[in-house]
PDB file of N, CA and C in Angstrom:
ATOM      1  N   ALA A   1      -6.593  62.369  47.377  1.00  0.00           N
ATOM      2  CA  ALA A   1      -6.389  61.960  46.007  1.00  0.00           C
ATOM      3  C   ALA A   1      -4.890  61.630  45.780  1.00  0.00           C
ATOM      4  N   VAL A   2      -4.018  62.463  46.313  1.00  0.00           N
ATOM      5  CA  VAL A   2      -2.591  62.249  46.111  1.00  0.00           C
ATOM      6  C   VAL A   2      -2.155  60.949  46.772  1.00  0.00           C
ATOM      7  N   CYS A   3      -2.697  60.679  47.967  1.00  0.00           N
ATOM      8  CA  CYS A   3      -2.301  59.448  48.665  1.00  0.00           C
ATOM      9  C   CYS A   3      -2.827  58.234  47.902  1.00  0.00           C
ATOM     10  N   ARG A   4      -4.038  58.260  47.403  1.00  0.00           N
ATOM     11  CA  ARG A   4      -4.552  57.125  46.574  1.00  0.00           C
ATOM     12  C   ARG A   4      -3.744  56.922  45.360  1.00  0.00           C
ATOM     13  N   ARG A   5      -3.310  58.037  44.736  1.00  0.00           N
ATOM     14  CA  ARG A   5      -2.499  57.918  43.514  1.00  0.00           C
ATOM     15  C   ARG A   5      -1.143  57.257  43.861  1.00  0.00           C
ATOM     16  N   ALA A   6      -0.569  57.642  44.959  1.00  0.00           N
ATOM     17  CA  ALA A   6       0.705  57.033  45.369  1.00  0.00           C
ATOM     18  C   ALA A   6       0.515  55.528  45.651  1.00  0.00           C
ATOM     19  N   GLU A   7      -0.600  55.201  46.265  1.00  0.00           N
ATOM     20  CA  GLU A   7      -0.894  53.782  46.540  1.00  0.00           C
ATOM     21  C   GLU A   7      -1.029  53.000  45.229  1.00  0.00           C
ATOM     22  N   ARG A   8      -1.730  53.553  44.257  1.00  0.00           N
ATOM     23  CA  ARG A   8      -1.898  52.878  42.949  1.00  0.00           C
ATOM     24  C   ARG A   8      -0.555  52.700  42.252  1.00  0.00           C
ATOM     25  N   ARG A   9       0.305  53.709  42.370  1.00  0.00           N
ATOM     26  CA  ARG A   9       1.617  53.622  41.689  1.00  0.00           C
ATOM     27  C   ARG A   9       2.535  52.588  42.357  1.00  0.00           C
ATOM     28  N   VAL A  10       2.489  52.526  43.663  1.00  0.00           N
ATOM     29  CA  VAL A  10       3.289  51.490  44.365  1.00  0.00           C
ATOM     30  C   VAL A  10       2.780  50.092  44.008  1.00  0.00           C
ATOM     31  N   VAL A  11       1.488  49.943  44.004  1.00  0.00           N
ATOM     32  CA  VAL A  11       0.905  48.616  43.648  1.00  0.00           C
ATOM     33  C   VAL A  11       1.300  48.291  42.207  1.00  0.00           C
ATOM     34  N   GLY A  12       1.169  49.253  41.313  1.00  0.00           N
ATOM     35  CA  GLY A  12       1.472  49.008  39.916  1.00  0.00           C
ATOM     36  C   GLY A  12       2.978  48.642  39.739  1.00  0.00           C
ATOM     37  N   ALA A  13       3.857  49.327  40.429  1.00  0.00           N
ATOM     38  CA  ALA A  13       5.262  49.009  40.335  1.00  0.00           C
ATOM     39  C   ALA A  13       5.561  47.615  40.890  1.00  0.00           C
ATOM     40  N   ASN A  14       4.885  47.261  41.967  1.00  0.00           N
ATOM     41  CA  ASN A  14       5.045  45.936  42.544  1.00  0.00           C
ATOM     42  C   ASN A  14       4.591  44.855  41.585  1.00  0.00           C
ATOM     43  N   VAL A  15       3.475  45.078  40.910  1.00  0.00           N
ATOM     44  CA  VAL A  15       2.965  44.114  39.940  1.00  0.00           C
ATOM     45  C   VAL A  15       3.928  43.962  38.783  1.00  0.00           C
ATOM     46  N   LYS A  16       4.470  45.081  38.302  1.00  0.00           N
ATOM     47  CA  LYS A  16       5.455  45.012  37.225  1.00  0.00           C
ATOM     48  C   LYS A  16       6.669  44.203  37.610  1.00  0.00           C
ATOM     49  N   CYS A  17       7.138  44.387  38.841  1.00  0.00           N
ATOM     50  CA  CYS A  17       8.301  43.629  39.349  1.00  0.00           C
ATOM     51  C   CYS A  17       7.968  42.131  39.331  1.00  0.00           C
ATOM     52  N   GLN A  18       6.795  41.778  39.812  1.00  0.00           N
ATOM     53  CA  GLN A  18       6.391  40.373  39.908  1.00  0.00           C
ATOM     54  C   GLN A  18       6.273  39.775  38.514  1.00  0.00           C
ATOM     55  N   MET A  19       5.716  40.555  37.539  1.00  0.00           N
ATOM     56  CA  MET A  19       5.531  40.032  36.173  1.00  0.00           C
ATOM     57  C   MET A  19       6.864  39.842  35.452  1.00  0.00           C
ATOM     58  N   SER A  20       7.855  40.671  35.769  1.00  0.00           N
ATOM     59  CA  SER A  20       9.127  40.552  35.090  1.00  0.00           C
ATOM     60  C   SER A  20      10.146  39.716  35.919  1.00  0.00           C
ATOM     61  N   ASN A  21       9.638  39.047  36.919  1.00  0.00           N
ATOM     62  CA  ASN A  21      10.450  38.213  37.772  1.00  0.00           C
ATOM     63  C   ASN A  21      11.616  38.922  38.470  1.00  0.00           C
ATOM     64  N   VAL A  22      11.413  40.218  38.699  1.00  0.00           N
ATOM     65  CA  VAL A  22      12.369  41.007  39.423  1.00  0.00           C
ATOM     66  C   VAL A  22      12.032  40.935  40.926  1.00  0.00           C
ATOM     67  N   LYS A  23      13.013  40.680  41.747  1.00  0.00           N
ATOM     68  CA  LYS A  23      12.738  40.589  43.168  1.00  0.00           C
ATOM     69  C   LYS A  23      12.350  41.943  43.697  1.00  0.00           C
ATOM     70  N   SER A  24      11.159  42.012  44.291  1.00  0.00           N
ATOM     71  CA  SER A  24      10.678  43.295  44.840  1.00  0.00           C
ATOM     72  C   SER A  24      11.135  43.390  46.281  1.00  0.00           C
ATOM     73  N   ASN A  25      11.100  44.628  46.784  1.00  0.00           N
ATOM     74  CA  ASN A  25      11.488  44.915  48.133  1.00  0.00           C
ATOM     75  C   ASN A  25      10.493  44.267  49.101  1.00  0.00           C
ATOM     76  N   PRO A  26      10.933  43.542  50.109  1.00  0.00           N
ATOM     77  CA  PRO A  26       9.994  42.898  51.014  1.00  0.00           C
ATOM     78  C   PRO A  26       9.146  43.876  51.821  1.00  0.00           C
ATOM     79  N   ASN A  27       9.552  45.154  51.887  1.00  0.00           N
ATOM     80  CA  ASN A  27       8.787  46.144  52.627  1.00  0.00           C
ATOM     81  C   ASN A  27       7.642  46.748  51.841  1.00  0.00           C
ATOM     82  N   VAL A  28       7.522  46.349  50.554  1.00  0.00           N
ATOM     83  CA  VAL A  28       6.480  46.959  49.694  1.00  0.00           C
ATOM     84  C   VAL A  28       5.078  46.704  50.266  1.00  0.00           C
ATOM     85  N   LYS A  29       4.836  45.526  50.787  1.00  0.00           N
ATOM     86  CA  LYS A  29       3.511  45.235  51.344  1.00  0.00           C
ATOM     87  C   LYS A  29       3.209  46.146  52.523  1.00  0.00           C
ATOM     88  N   ASP A  30       4.201  46.424  53.347  1.00  0.00           N
ATOM     89  CA  ASP A  30       4.013  47.361  54.455  1.00  0.00           C
ATOM     90  C   ASP A  30       3.722  48.777  53.972  1.00  0.00           C
ATOM     91  N   VAL A  31       4.412  49.184  52.908  1.00  0.00           N
ATOM     92  CA  VAL A  31       4.194  50.520  52.338  1.00  0.00           C
ATOM     93  C   VAL A  31       2.786  50.623  51.763  1.00  0.00           C
ATOM     94  N   ILE A  32       2.347  49.585  51.057  1.00  0.00           N
ATOM     95  CA  ILE A  32       1.026  49.570  50.505  1.00  0.00           C
ATOM     96  C   ILE A  32      -0.025  49.647  51.602  1.00  0.00           C
ATOM     97  N   MET A  33       0.147  48.880  52.653  1.00  0.00           N
ATOM     98  CA  MET A  33      -0.788  48.871  53.764  1.00  0.00           C
ATOM     99  C   MET A  33      -0.818  50.250  54.440  1.00  0.00           C
ATOM    100  N   TYR A  34       0.361  50.850  54.617  1.00  0.00           N
ATOM    101  CA  TYR A  34       0.418  52.185  55.233  1.00  0.00           C
ATOM    102  C   TYR A  34      -0.281  53.231  54.388  1.00  0.00           C
ATOM    103  N   LEU A  35      -0.063  53.223  53.113  1.00  0.00           N
ATOM    104  CA  LEU A  35      -0.685  54.202  52.209  1.00  0.00           C
ATOM    105  C   LEU A  35      -2.217  54.001  52.186  1.00  0.00           C
ATOM    106  N   ASN A  36      -2.659  52.739  52.227  1.00  0.00           N
ATOM    107  CA  ASN A  36      -4.066  52.467  52.247  1.00  0.00           C
ATOM    108  C   ASN A  36      -4.717  53.010  53.541  1.00  0.00           C
ATOM    109  N   ARG A  37      -4.089  52.762  54.651  1.00  0.00           N
ATOM    110  CA  ARG A  37      -4.650  53.239  55.916  1.00  0.00           C
ATOM    111  C   ARG A  37      -4.580  54.768  56.007  1.00  0.00           C
ATOM    112  N   LEU A  38      -3.513  55.337  55.475  1.00  0.00           N
ATOM    113  CA  LEU A  38      -3.421  56.816  55.475  1.00  0.00           C
ATOM    114  C   LEU A  38      -4.509  57.456  54.614  1.00  0.00           C
ATOM    115  N   SER A  39      -4.769  56.890  53.437  1.00  0.00           N
ATOM    116  CA  SER A  39      -5.785  57.452  52.600  1.00  0.00           C
ATOM    117  C   SER A  39      -7.174  57.261  53.204  1.00  0.00           C
ATOM    118  N   ASP A  40      -7.417  56.147  53.877  1.00  0.00           N
ATOM    119  CA  ASP A  40      -8.675  55.956  54.605  1.00  0.00           C
ATOM    120  C   ASP A  40      -8.830  57.019  55.693  1.00  0.00           C
ATOM    121  N   PHE A  41      -7.732  57.250  56.455  1.00  0.00           N
ATOM    122  CA  PHE A  41      -7.783  58.248  57.523  1.00  0.00           C
ATOM    123  C   PHE A  41      -8.088  59.657  56.958  1.00  0.00           C
ATOM    124  N   LEU A  42      -7.393  60.021  55.863  1.00  0.00           N
ATOM    125  CA  LEU A  42      -7.600  61.340  55.270  1.00  0.00           C
ATOM    126  C   LEU A  42      -9.018  61.503  54.787  1.00  0.00           C
ATOM    127  N   PHE A  43      -9.629  60.450  54.246  1.00  0.00           N
ATOM    128  CA  PHE A  43     -11.008  60.497  53.791  1.00  0.00           C
ATOM    129  C   PHE A  43     -11.943  60.748  54.965  1.00  0.00           C
ATOM    130  N   VAL A  44     -11.771  59.992  56.050  1.00  0.00           N
ATOM    131  CA  VAL A  44     -12.596  60.163  57.245  1.00  0.00           C
ATOM    132  C   VAL A  44     -12.372  61.540  57.856  1.00  0.00           C
ATOM    133  N   LEU A  45     -11.128  62.014  57.882  1.00  0.00           N
ATOM    134  CA  LEU A  45     -10.860  63.334  58.420  1.00  0.00           C
ATOM    135  C   LEU A  45     -11.527  64.422  57.618  1.00  0.00           C
ATOM    136  N   ALA A  46     -11.553  64.285  56.293  1.00  0.00           N
ATOM    137  CA  ALA A  46     -12.253  65.278  55.444  1.00  0.00           C
ATOM    138  C   ALA A  46     -13.734  65.277  55.718  1.00  0.00           C
ATOM    139  N   ARG A  47     -14.317  64.097  55.885  1.00  0.00           N
ATOM    140  CA  ARG A  47     -15.771  64.000  56.202  1.00  0.00           C
ATOM    141  C   ARG A  47     -16.051  64.640  57.582  1.00  0.00           C
ATOM    142  N   TRP A  48     -15.172  64.396  58.528  1.00  0.00           N
ATOM    143  CA  TRP A  48     -15.326  64.971  59.857  1.00  0.00           C
ATOM    144  C   TRP A  48     -15.230  66.483  59.823  1.00  0.00           C
ATOM    145  N   ALA A  49     -14.288  67.000  59.029  1.00  0.00           N
ATOM    146  CA  ALA A  49     -14.138  68.452  58.879  1.00  0.00           C
ATOM    147  C   ALA A  49     -15.389  69.080  58.265  1.00  0.00           C
ATOM    148  N   ASN A  50     -15.956  68.388  57.265  1.00  0.00           N
ATOM    149  CA  ASN A  50     -17.201  68.871  56.673  1.00  0.00           C
ATOM    150  C   ASN A  50     -18.311  68.896  57.709  1.00  0.00           C
ATOM    151  N   TYR A  51     -18.377  67.880  58.521  1.00  0.00           N
ATOM    152  CA  TYR A  51     -19.420  67.777  59.553  1.00  0.00           C
ATOM    153  C   TYR A  51     -19.242  68.924  60.578  1.00  0.00           C
ATOM    154  N   GLN A  52     -17.998  69.147  60.981  1.00  0.00           N
ATOM    155  CA  GLN A  52     -17.722  70.195  61.985  1.00  0.00           C
ATOM    156  C   GLN A  52     -18.057  71.581  61.481  1.00  0.00           C
ATOM    157  N   THR A  53     -17.852  71.827  60.207  1.00  0.00           N
ATOM    158  CA  THR A  53     -18.118  73.151  59.650  1.00  0.00           C
ATOM    159  C   THR A  53     -19.552  73.292  59.131  1.00  0.00           C
ATOM    160  N   GLY A  54     -20.301  72.219  59.184  1.00  0.00           N
ATOM    161  CA  GLY A  54     -21.676  72.253  58.726  1.00  0.00           C
ATOM    162  C   GLY A  54     -21.823  72.226  57.203  1.00  0.00           C
ATOM    163  N   SER A  55     -20.742  71.872  56.525  1.00  0.00           N
ATOM    164  CA  SER A  55     -20.787  71.756  55.090  1.00  0.00           C
ATOM    165  C   SER A  55     -21.637  70.570  54.659  1.00  0.00           C
ATOM    166  N   GLU A  56     -22.331  70.763  53.548  1.00  0.00           N
ATOM    167  CA  GLU A  56     -23.195  69.700  53.068  1.00  0.00           C
ATOM    168  C   GLU A  56     -22.355  68.687  52.282  1.00  0.00           C
ATOM    169  N   GLU A  57     -22.657  67.435  52.466  1.00  0.00           N
ATOM    170  CA  GLU A  57     -21.991  66.345  51.704  1.00  0.00           C
ATOM    171  C   GLU A  57     -22.413  66.452  50.238  1.00  0.00           C
ATOM    172  N   ILE A  58     -21.490  66.199  49.342  1.00  0.00           N
ATOM    173  CA  ILE A  58     -21.801  66.209  47.930  1.00  0.00           C
ATOM    174  C   ILE A  58     -22.383  64.851  47.573  1.00  0.00           C
ATOM    175  N   LYS A  59     -23.568  64.859  47.064  1.00  0.00           N
ATOM    176  CA  LYS A  59     -24.243  63.631  46.619  1.00  0.00           C
ATOM    177  C   LYS A  59     -23.863  63.352  45.174  1.00  0.00           C
ATOM    178  N   TRP A  60     -23.521  62.092  44.901  1.00  0.00           N
ATOM    179  CA  TRP A  60     -23.203  61.725  43.555  1.00  0.00           C
ATOM    180  C   TRP A  60     -23.763  60.367  43.233  1.00  0.00           C
ATOM    181  N   THR A  61     -23.934  60.126  41.976  1.00  0.00           N
ATOM    182  CA  THR A  61     -24.399  58.817  41.532  1.00  0.00           C
ATOM    183  C   THR A  61     -23.393  58.300  40.525  1.00  0.00           C
ATOM    184  N   ALA A  62     -23.169  57.005  40.575  1.00  0.00           N
ATOM    185  CA  ALA A  62     -22.248  56.389  39.628  1.00  0.00           C
ATOM    186  C   ALA A  62     -22.942  56.275  38.272  1.00  0.00           C
ATOM    187  N   LYS A  63     -22.218  56.632  37.261  1.00  0.00           N
ATOM    188  CA  LYS A  63     -22.736  56.537  35.882  1.00  0.00           C
ATOM    189  C   LYS A  63     -21.956  55.467  35.162  1.00  0.00           C
ATOM    190  N   PHE A  64     -22.617  54.452  34.787  1.00  0.00           N
ATOM    191  CA  PHE A  64     -21.969  53.331  34.083  1.00  0.00           C
ATOM    192  C   PHE A  64     -22.426  53.274  32.661  1.00  0.00           C
TER     193      PHE A  64
END
């Protein structure tokens, strides 16, 4: 959750820079890609840990 939040904040800051015509750091895209891959890895790692310990997956349904 913390990694996804950081990703959203970096994306949001980058969008604000683009909207206000402020030159953003060219490395921002690399940071966003890194955070995205890291959060994907942490999600898969958590699922693997649940599998290894025999924990049951939490079933949820989207409520719209």
